[in-house]
PDB file of N, CA and C in Angstrom:
ATOM      1  N   MET A   1     106.002  80.045  57.439  1.00  0.00           N
ATOM      2  CA  MET A   1     105.727  79.380  58.697  1.00  0.00           C
ATOM      3  C   MET A   1     104.872  80.255  59.615  1.00  0.00           C
ATOM      4  N   LYS A   2     105.260  81.533  59.751  1.00  0.00           N
ATOM      5  CA  LYS A   2     104.520  82.432  60.626  1.00  0.00           C
ATOM      6  C   LYS A   2     103.080  82.614  60.149  1.00  0.00           C
ATOM      7  N   LYS A   3     102.912  82.701  58.841  1.00  0.00           N
ATOM      8  CA  LYS A   3     101.583  82.886  58.269  1.00  0.00           C
ATOM      9  C   LYS A   3     100.698  81.669  58.555  1.00  0.00           C
ATOM     10  N   GLU A   4     101.276  80.470  58.431  1.00  0.00           N
ATOM     11  CA  GLU A   4     100.524  79.242  58.712  1.00  0.00           C
ATOM     12  C   GLU A   4     100.138  79.159  60.185  1.00  0.00           C
ATOM     13  N   LEU A   5     101.071  79.534  61.031  1.00  0.00           N
ATOM     14  CA  LEU A   5     100.813  79.493  62.467  1.00  0.00           C
ATOM     15  C   LEU A   5      99.676  80.442  62.836  1.00  0.00           C
ATOM     16  N   ARG A   6      99.702  81.636  62.287  1.00  0.00           N
ATOM     17  CA  ARG A   6      98.618  82.588  62.542  1.00  0.00           C
ATOM     18  C   ARG A   6      97.274  82.036  62.058  1.00  0.00           C
ATOM     19  N   LYS A   7      97.289  81.408  60.896  1.00  0.00           N
ATOM     20  CA  LYS A   7      96.063  80.824  60.352  1.00  0.00           C
ATOM     21  C   LYS A   7      95.519  79.754  61.296  1.00  0.00           C
ATOM     22  N   GLU A   8      96.418  78.903  61.812  1.00  0.00           N
ATOM     23  CA  GLU A   8      96.006  77.855  62.747  1.00  0.00           C
ATOM     24  C   GLU A   8      95.444  78.455  64.036  1.00  0.00           C
ATOM     25  N   LEU A   9      96.097  79.486  64.525  1.00  0.00           N
ATOM     26  CA  LEU A   9      95.620  80.134  65.750  1.00  0.00           C
ATOM     27  C   LEU A   9      94.239  80.750  65.543  1.00  0.00           C
ATOM     28  N   HIS A  10      94.041  81.395  64.412  1.00  0.00           N
ATOM     29  CA  HIS A  10      92.731  81.975  64.106  1.00  0.00           C
ATOM     30  C   HIS A  10      91.658  80.887  64.060  1.00  0.00           C
ATOM     31  N   GLN A  11      92.002  79.756  63.480  1.00  0.00           N
ATOM     32  CA  GLN A  11      91.046  78.638  63.408  1.00  0.00           C
ATOM     33  C   GLN A  11      90.678  78.152  64.808  1.00  0.00           C
ATOM     34  N   ILE A  12      91.678  77.990  65.635  1.00  0.00           N
ATOM     35  CA  ILE A  12      91.437  77.521  67.004  1.00  0.00           C
ATOM     36  C   ILE A  12      90.547  78.506  67.751  1.00  0.00           C
ATOM     37  N   ILE A  13      90.854  79.787  67.634  1.00  0.00           N
ATOM     38  CA  ILE A  13      90.053  80.813  68.309  1.00  0.00           C
ATOM     39  C   ILE A  13      88.620  80.800  67.791  1.00  0.00           C
ATOM     40  N   ASP A  14      88.458  80.664  66.490  1.00  0.00           N
ATOM     41  CA  ASP A  14      87.115  80.641  65.902  1.00  0.00           C
ATOM     42  C   ASP A  14      86.281  79.463  66.399  1.00  0.00           C
ATOM     43  N   GLU A  15      86.934  78.397  66.810  1.00  0.00           N
ATOM     44  CA  GLU A  15      86.214  77.207  67.274  1.00  0.00           C
ATOM     45  C   GLU A  15      85.852  77.254  68.760  1.00  0.00           C
ATOM     46  N   ILE A  16      86.398  78.210  69.493  1.00  0.00           N
ATOM     47  CA  ILE A  16      86.114  78.315  70.929  1.00  0.00           C
ATOM     48  C   ILE A  16      84.739  78.952  71.119  1.00  0.00           C
ATOM     49  N   GLU A  17      83.883  78.257  71.842  1.00  0.00           N
ATOM     50  CA  GLU A  17      82.530  78.753  72.089  1.00  0.00           C
ATOM     51  C   GLU A  17      82.373  79.349  73.493  1.00  0.00           C
ATOM     52  N   ASP A  18      83.226  78.943  74.414  1.00  0.00           N
ATOM     53  CA  ASP A  18      83.124  79.383  75.806  1.00  0.00           C
ATOM     54  C   ASP A  18      83.600  80.836  75.930  1.00  0.00           C
ATOM     55  N   GLU A  19      82.679  81.713  76.321  1.00  0.00           N
ATOM     56  CA  GLU A  19      82.980  83.136  76.395  1.00  0.00           C
ATOM     57  C   GLU A  19      84.067  83.439  77.427  1.00  0.00           C
ATOM     58  N   GLN A  20      84.050  82.731  78.554  1.00  0.00           N
ATOM     59  CA  GLN A  20      85.064  82.951  79.588  1.00  0.00           C
ATOM     60  C   GLN A  20      86.466  82.603  79.075  1.00  0.00           C
ATOM     61  N   VAL A  21      86.561  81.530  78.340  1.00  0.00           N
ATOM     62  CA  VAL A  21      87.859  81.134  77.760  1.00  0.00           C
ATOM     63  C   VAL A  21      88.348  82.213  76.803  1.00  0.00           C
ATOM     64  N   LEU A  22      87.439  82.771  76.029  1.00  0.00           N
ATOM     65  CA  LEU A  22      87.818  83.828  75.096  1.00  0.00           C
ATOM     66  C   LEU A  22      88.309  85.072  75.841  1.00  0.00           C
ATOM     67  N   TYR A  23      87.646  85.414  76.954  1.00  0.00           N
ATOM     68  CA  TYR A  23      88.094  86.556  77.748  1.00  0.00           C
ATOM     69  C   TYR A  23      89.484  86.310  78.338  1.00  0.00           C
ATOM     70  N   ILE A  24      89.725  85.098  78.826  1.00  0.00           N
ATOM     71  CA  ILE A  24      91.041  84.758  79.377  1.00  0.00           C
ATOM     72  C   ILE A  24      92.106  84.852  78.292  1.00  0.00           C
ATOM     73  N   LEU A  25      91.792  84.316  77.135  1.00  0.00           N
ATOM     74  CA  LEU A  25      92.724  84.369  76.011  1.00  0.00           C
ATOM     75  C   LEU A  25      93.009  85.813  75.611  1.00  0.00           C
ATOM     76  N   LYS A  26      91.965  86.616  75.558  1.00  0.00           N
ATOM     77  CA  LYS A  26      92.123  88.025  75.196  1.00  0.00           C
ATOM     78  C   LYS A  26      93.025  88.738  76.191  1.00  0.00           C
ATOM     79  N   GLU A  27      92.808  88.490  77.472  1.00  0.00           N
ATOM     80  CA  GLU A  27      93.624  89.126  78.503  1.00  0.00           C
ATOM     81  C   GLU A  27      95.089  88.712  78.379  1.00  0.00           C
ATOM     82  N   ASP A  28      95.315  87.431  78.185  1.00  0.00           N
ATOM     83  CA  ASP A  28      96.691  86.945  78.032  1.00  0.00           C
ATOM     84  C   ASP A  28      97.366  87.551  76.808  1.00  0.00           C
ATOM     85  N   LEU A  29      96.645  87.602  75.713  1.00  0.00           N
ATOM     86  CA  LEU A  29      97.225  88.161  74.487  1.00  0.00           C
ATOM     87  C   LEU A  29      97.455  89.662  74.618  1.00  0.00           C
ATOM     88  N   ALA A  30      96.548  90.352  75.277  1.00  0.00           N
ATOM     89  CA  ALA A  30      96.708  91.796  75.459  1.00  0.00           C
ATOM     90  C   ALA A  30      97.933  92.087  76.314  1.00  0.00           C
ATOM     91  N   ASN A  31      98.152  91.283  77.361  1.00  0.00           N
ATOM     92  CA  ASN A  31      99.345  91.467  78.192  1.00  0.00           C
ATOM     93  C   ASN A  31     100.613  91.251  77.379  1.00  0.00           C
ATOM     94  N   TYR A  32     100.612  90.250  76.531  1.00  0.00           N
ATOM     95  CA  TYR A  32     101.767  89.977  75.679  1.00  0.00           C
ATOM     96  C   TYR A  32     102.002  91.129  74.696  1.00  0.00           C
ATOM     97  N   ALA A  33     100.936  91.613  74.097  1.00  0.00           N
ATOM     98  CA  ALA A  33     101.055  92.702  73.123  1.00  0.00           C
ATOM     99  C   ALA A  33     101.554  93.973  73.800  1.00  0.00           C
ATOM    100  N   THR A  34     101.082  94.247  75.014  1.00  0.00           N
ATOM    101  CA  THR A  34     101.519  95.430  75.750  1.00  0.00           C
ATOM    102  C   THR A  34     102.999  95.327  76.080  1.00  0.00           C
ATOM    103  N   THR A  35     103.443  94.149  76.479  1.00  0.00           N
ATOM    104  CA  THR A  35     104.858  93.942  76.786  1.00  0.00           C
ATOM    105  C   THR A  35     105.704  94.182  75.553  1.00  0.00           C
ATOM    106  N   ASN A  36     105.266  93.690  74.423  1.00  0.00           N
ATOM    107  CA  ASN A  36     106.024  93.868  73.187  1.00  0.00           C
ATOM    108  C   ASN A  36     106.025  95.319  72.726  1.00  0.00           C
ATOM    109  N   MET A  37     104.988  96.063  73.049  1.00  0.00           N
ATOM    110  CA  MET A  37     104.927  97.461  72.646  1.00  0.00           C
ATOM    111  C   MET A  37     106.038  98.268  73.301  1.00  0.00           C
ATOM    112  N   ALA A  38     106.481  97.850  74.466  1.00  0.00           N
ATOM    113  CA  ALA A  38     107.518  98.583  75.194  1.00  0.00           C
ATOM    114  C   ALA A  38     108.881  98.469  74.520  1.00  0.00           C
ATOM    115  N   LYS A  39     109.050  97.532  73.614  1.00  0.00           N
ATOM    116  CA  LYS A  39     110.353  97.327  72.964  1.00  0.00           C
ATOM    117  C   LYS A  39     110.823  98.556  72.194  1.00  0.00           C
ATOM    118  N   GLY A  40     109.917  99.353  71.665  1.00  0.00           N
ATOM    119  CA  GLY A  40     110.304 100.512  70.871  1.00  0.00           C
ATOM    120  C   GLY A  40     110.486 101.791  71.667  1.00  0.00           C
ATOM    121  N   LEU A  41     110.350 101.725  72.987  1.00  0.00           N
ATOM    122  CA  LEU A  41     110.447 102.933  73.803  1.00  0.00           C
ATOM    123  C   LEU A  41     111.897 103.265  74.140  1.00  0.00           C
ATOM    124  N   SER A  42     112.155 104.556  74.325  1.00  0.00           N
ATOM    125  CA  SER A  42     113.499 104.990  74.718  1.00  0.00           C
ATOM    126  C   SER A  42     113.724 104.656  76.192  1.00  0.00           C
ATOM    127  N   ALA A  43     114.956 104.794  76.651  1.00  0.00           N
ATOM    128  CA  ALA A  43     115.277 104.515  78.056  1.00  0.00           C
ATOM    129  C   ALA A  43     114.483 105.431  78.984  1.00  0.00           C
ATOM    130  N   MET A  44     114.348 106.699  78.605  1.00  0.00           N
ATOM    131  CA  MET A  44     113.595 107.646  79.424  1.00  0.00           C
ATOM    132  C   MET A  44     112.115 107.264  79.473  1.00  0.00           C
ATOM    133  N   GLN A  45     111.562 106.878  78.340  1.00  0.00           N
ATOM    134  CA  GLN A  45     110.161 106.474  78.292  1.00  0.00           C
ATOM    135  C   GLN A  45     109.926 105.217  79.127  1.00  0.00           C
ATOM    136  N   LEU A  46     110.857 104.267  79.080  1.00  0.00           N
ATOM    137  CA  LEU A  46     110.738 103.052  79.889  1.00  0.00           C
ATOM    138  C   LEU A  46     110.788 103.385  81.377  1.00  0.00           C
ATOM    139  N   THR A  47     111.655 104.326  81.748  1.00  0.00           N
ATOM    140  CA  THR A  47     111.744 104.750  83.149  1.00  0.00           C
ATOM    141  C   THR A  47     110.438 105.383  83.591  1.00  0.00           C
ATOM    142  N   GLN A  48     109.873 106.247  82.761  1.00  0.00           N
ATOM    143  CA  GLN A  48     108.595 106.894  83.081  1.00  0.00           C
ATOM    144  C   GLN A  48     107.478 105.864  83.179  1.00  0.00           C
ATOM    145  N   LEU A  49     107.486 104.901  82.288  1.00  0.00           N
ATOM    146  CA  LEU A  49     106.478 103.839  82.312  1.00  0.00           C
ATOM    147  C   LEU A  49     106.606 103.016  83.586  1.00  0.00           C
ATOM    148  N   ASP A  50     107.832 102.654  83.949  1.00  0.00           N
ATOM    149  CA  ASP A  50     108.055 101.890  85.182  1.00  0.00           C
ATOM    150  C   ASP A  50     107.575 102.660  86.403  1.00  0.00           C
ATOM    151  N   LYS A  51     107.845 103.971  86.455  1.00  0.00           N
ATOM    152  CA  LYS A  51     107.397 104.792  87.577  1.00  0.00           C
ATOM    153  C   LYS A  51     105.865 104.842  87.638  1.00  0.00           C
ATOM    154  N   ALA A  52     105.234 104.990  86.484  1.00  0.00           N
ATOM    155  CA  ALA A  52     103.767 105.045  86.444  1.00  0.00           C
ATOM    156  C   ALA A  52     103.162 103.726  86.911  1.00  0.00           C
ATOM    157  N   ILE A  53     103.745 102.624  86.485  1.00  0.00           N
ATOM    158  CA  ILE A  53     103.248 101.309  86.902  1.00  0.00           C
ATOM    159  C   ILE A  53     103.448 101.125  88.395  1.00  0.00           C
ATOM    160  N   GLU A  54     104.623 101.518  88.893  1.00  0.00           N
ATOM    161  CA  GLU A  54     104.911 101.408  90.325  1.00  0.00           C
ATOM    162  C   GLU A  54     103.935 102.244  91.140  1.00  0.00           C
ATOM    163  N   GLN A  55     103.654 103.455  90.661  1.00  0.00           N
ATOM    164  CA  GLN A  55     102.718 104.330  91.360  1.00  0.00           C
ATOM    165  C   GLN A  55     101.321 103.722  91.369  1.00  0.00           C
ATOM    166  N   ALA A  56     100.893 103.193  90.252  1.00  0.00           N
ATOM    167  CA  ALA A  56      99.563 102.581  90.183  1.00  0.00           C
ATOM    168  C   ALA A  56      99.480 101.349  91.077  1.00  0.00           C
ATOM    169  N   ASP A  57     100.547 100.547  91.094  1.00  0.00           N
ATOM    170  CA  ASP A  57     100.557  99.345  91.921  1.00  0.00           C
ATOM    171  C   ASP A  57     100.548  99.664  93.411  1.00  0.00           C
ATOM    172  N   SER A  58     101.214 100.748  93.799  1.00  0.00           N
ATOM    173  CA  SER A  58     101.310 101.078  95.214  1.00  0.00           C
ATOM    174  C   SER A  58     100.191 102.005  95.677  1.00  0.00           C
ATOM    175  N   SER A  59      99.360 102.440  94.761  1.00  0.00           N
ATOM    176  CA  SER A  59      98.226 103.332  95.049  1.00  0.00           C
ATOM    177  C   SER A  59      98.669 104.686  95.587  1.00  0.00           C
ATOM    178  N   ILE A  60      99.892 105.103  95.270  1.00  0.00           N
ATOM    179  CA  ILE A  60     100.355 106.423  95.687  1.00  0.00           C
ATOM    180  C   ILE A  60      99.515 107.478  94.982  1.00  0.00           C
ATOM    181  N   ASP A  61      99.020 108.422  95.750  1.00  0.00           N
ATOM    182  CA  ASP A  61      98.234 109.535  95.213  1.00  0.00           C
ATOM    183  C   ASP A  61      96.959 109.096  94.506  1.00  0.00           C
ATOM    184  N   LEU A  62      96.487 107.901  94.799  1.00  0.00           N
ATOM    185  CA  LEU A  62      95.245 107.442  94.189  1.00  0.00           C
ATOM    186  C   LEU A  62      94.154 107.406  95.241  1.00  0.00           C
ATOM    187  N   GLN A  63      92.938 107.716  94.818  1.00  0.00           N
ATOM    188  CA  GLN A  63      91.792 107.695  95.712  1.00  0.00           C
ATOM    189  C   GLN A  63      90.768 106.725  95.165  1.00  0.00           C
ATOM    190  N   ASP A  64      89.986 106.198  96.079  1.00  0.00           N
ATOM    191  CA  ASP A  64      88.859 105.415  95.598  1.00  0.00           C
ATOM    192  C   ASP A  64      87.774 106.388  95.149  1.00  0.00           C
ATOM    193  N   TRP A  65      86.795 105.874  94.446  1.00  0.00           N
ATOM    194  CA  TRP A  65      85.750 106.701  93.844  1.00  0.00           C
ATOM    195  C   TRP A  65      84.971 107.491  94.886  1.00  0.00           C
ATOM    196  N   GLU A  66      84.628 106.871  96.008  1.00  0.00           N
ATOM    197  CA  GLU A  66      83.847 107.547  97.042  1.00  0.00           C
ATOM    198  C   GLU A  66      84.617 108.720  97.636  1.00  0.00           C
ATOM    199  N   SER A  67      85.898 108.557  97.906  1.00  0.00           N
ATOM    200  CA  SER A  67      86.729 109.650  98.439  1.00  0.00           C
ATOM    201  C   SER A  67      86.800 110.795  97.439  1.00  0.00           C
ATOM    202  N   PHE A  68      86.968 110.447  96.181  1.00  0.00           N
ATOM    203  CA  PHE A  68      87.029 111.462  95.143  1.00  0.00           C
ATOM    204  C   PHE A  68      85.737 112.281  95.103  1.00  0.00           C
ATOM    205  N   LYS A  69      84.587 111.589  95.151  1.00  0.00           N
ATOM    206  CA  LYS A  69      83.293 112.296  95.118  1.00  0.00           C
ATOM    207  C   LYS A  69      83.137 113.196  96.341  1.00  0.00           C
ATOM    208  N   ARG A  70      83.530 112.705  97.518  1.00  0.00           N
ATOM    209  CA  ARG A  70      83.421 113.517  98.737  1.00  0.00           C
ATOM    210  C   ARG A  70      84.285 114.769  98.625  1.00  0.00           C
ATOM    211  N   ASN A  71      85.494 114.624  98.116  1.00  0.00           N
ATOM    212  CA  ASN A  71      86.375 115.788  97.961  1.00  0.00           C
ATOM    213  C   ASN A  71      85.781 116.818  97.014  1.00  0.00           C
ATOM    214  N   ILE A  72      85.228 116.366  95.925  1.00  0.00           N
ATOM    215  CA  ILE A  72      84.598 117.291  94.966  1.00  0.00           C
ATOM    216  C   ILE A  72      83.403 117.983  95.604  1.00  0.00           C
ATOM    217  N   GLN A  73      82.578 117.215  96.291  1.00  0.00           N
ATOM    218  CA  GLN A  73      81.403 117.806  96.949  1.00  0.00           C
ATOM    219  C   GLN A  73      81.810 118.813  98.028  1.00  0.00           C
ATOM    220  N   ASP A  74      82.841 118.471  98.793  1.00  0.00           N
ATOM    221  CA  ASP A  74      83.303 119.392  99.832  1.00  0.00           C
ATOM    222  C   ASP A  74      83.824 120.688  99.220  1.00  0.00           C
ATOM    223  N   LYS A  75      84.587 120.583  98.140  1.00  0.00           N
ATOM    224  CA  LYS A  75      85.095 121.779  97.470  1.00  0.00           C
ATOM    225  C   LYS A  75      83.962 122.596  96.891  1.00  0.00           C
ATOM    226  N   TRP A  76      82.955 121.931  96.359  1.00  0.00           N
ATOM    227  CA  TRP A  76      81.808 122.629  95.778  1.00  0.00           C
ATOM    228  C   TRP A  76      81.033 123.367  96.862  1.00  0.00           C
ATOM    229  N   LYS A  77      80.880 122.739  98.015  1.00  0.00           N
ATOM    230  CA  LYS A  77      80.153 123.369  99.121  1.00  0.00           C
ATOM    231  C   LYS A  77      80.883 124.581  99.673  1.00  0.00           C
ATOM    232  N   GLU A  78      82.226 124.557  99.629  1.00  0.00           N
ATOM    233  CA  GLU A  78      83.019 125.676 100.133  1.00  0.00           C
ATOM    234  C   GLU A  78      82.838 126.916  99.270  1.00  0.00           C
ATOM    235  N   GLU A  79      82.578 126.734  98.011  1.00  0.00           N
ATOM    236  CA  GLU A  79      82.467 127.885  97.094  1.00  0.00           C
ATOM    237  C   GLU A  79      81.157 128.490  97.197  1.00  0.00           C
TER     238      GLU A  79
END
């Protein structure tokens, strides 16, 4: 059954011509695959992953590209 279902899905994907639809499908499938990848992680690894995601979502300790470049240039000028 699983093999047939995969075959059908491959056929459907092969018939899609709209590039935007393919990108949306890819994004959805990648999110699903990433979620499933977490199933094999230990409790500590899941905690670390959750913290990293939370940090990225809240922008803690993150800079935009322009700020980063200014900081590097300022440090370079000081030396």
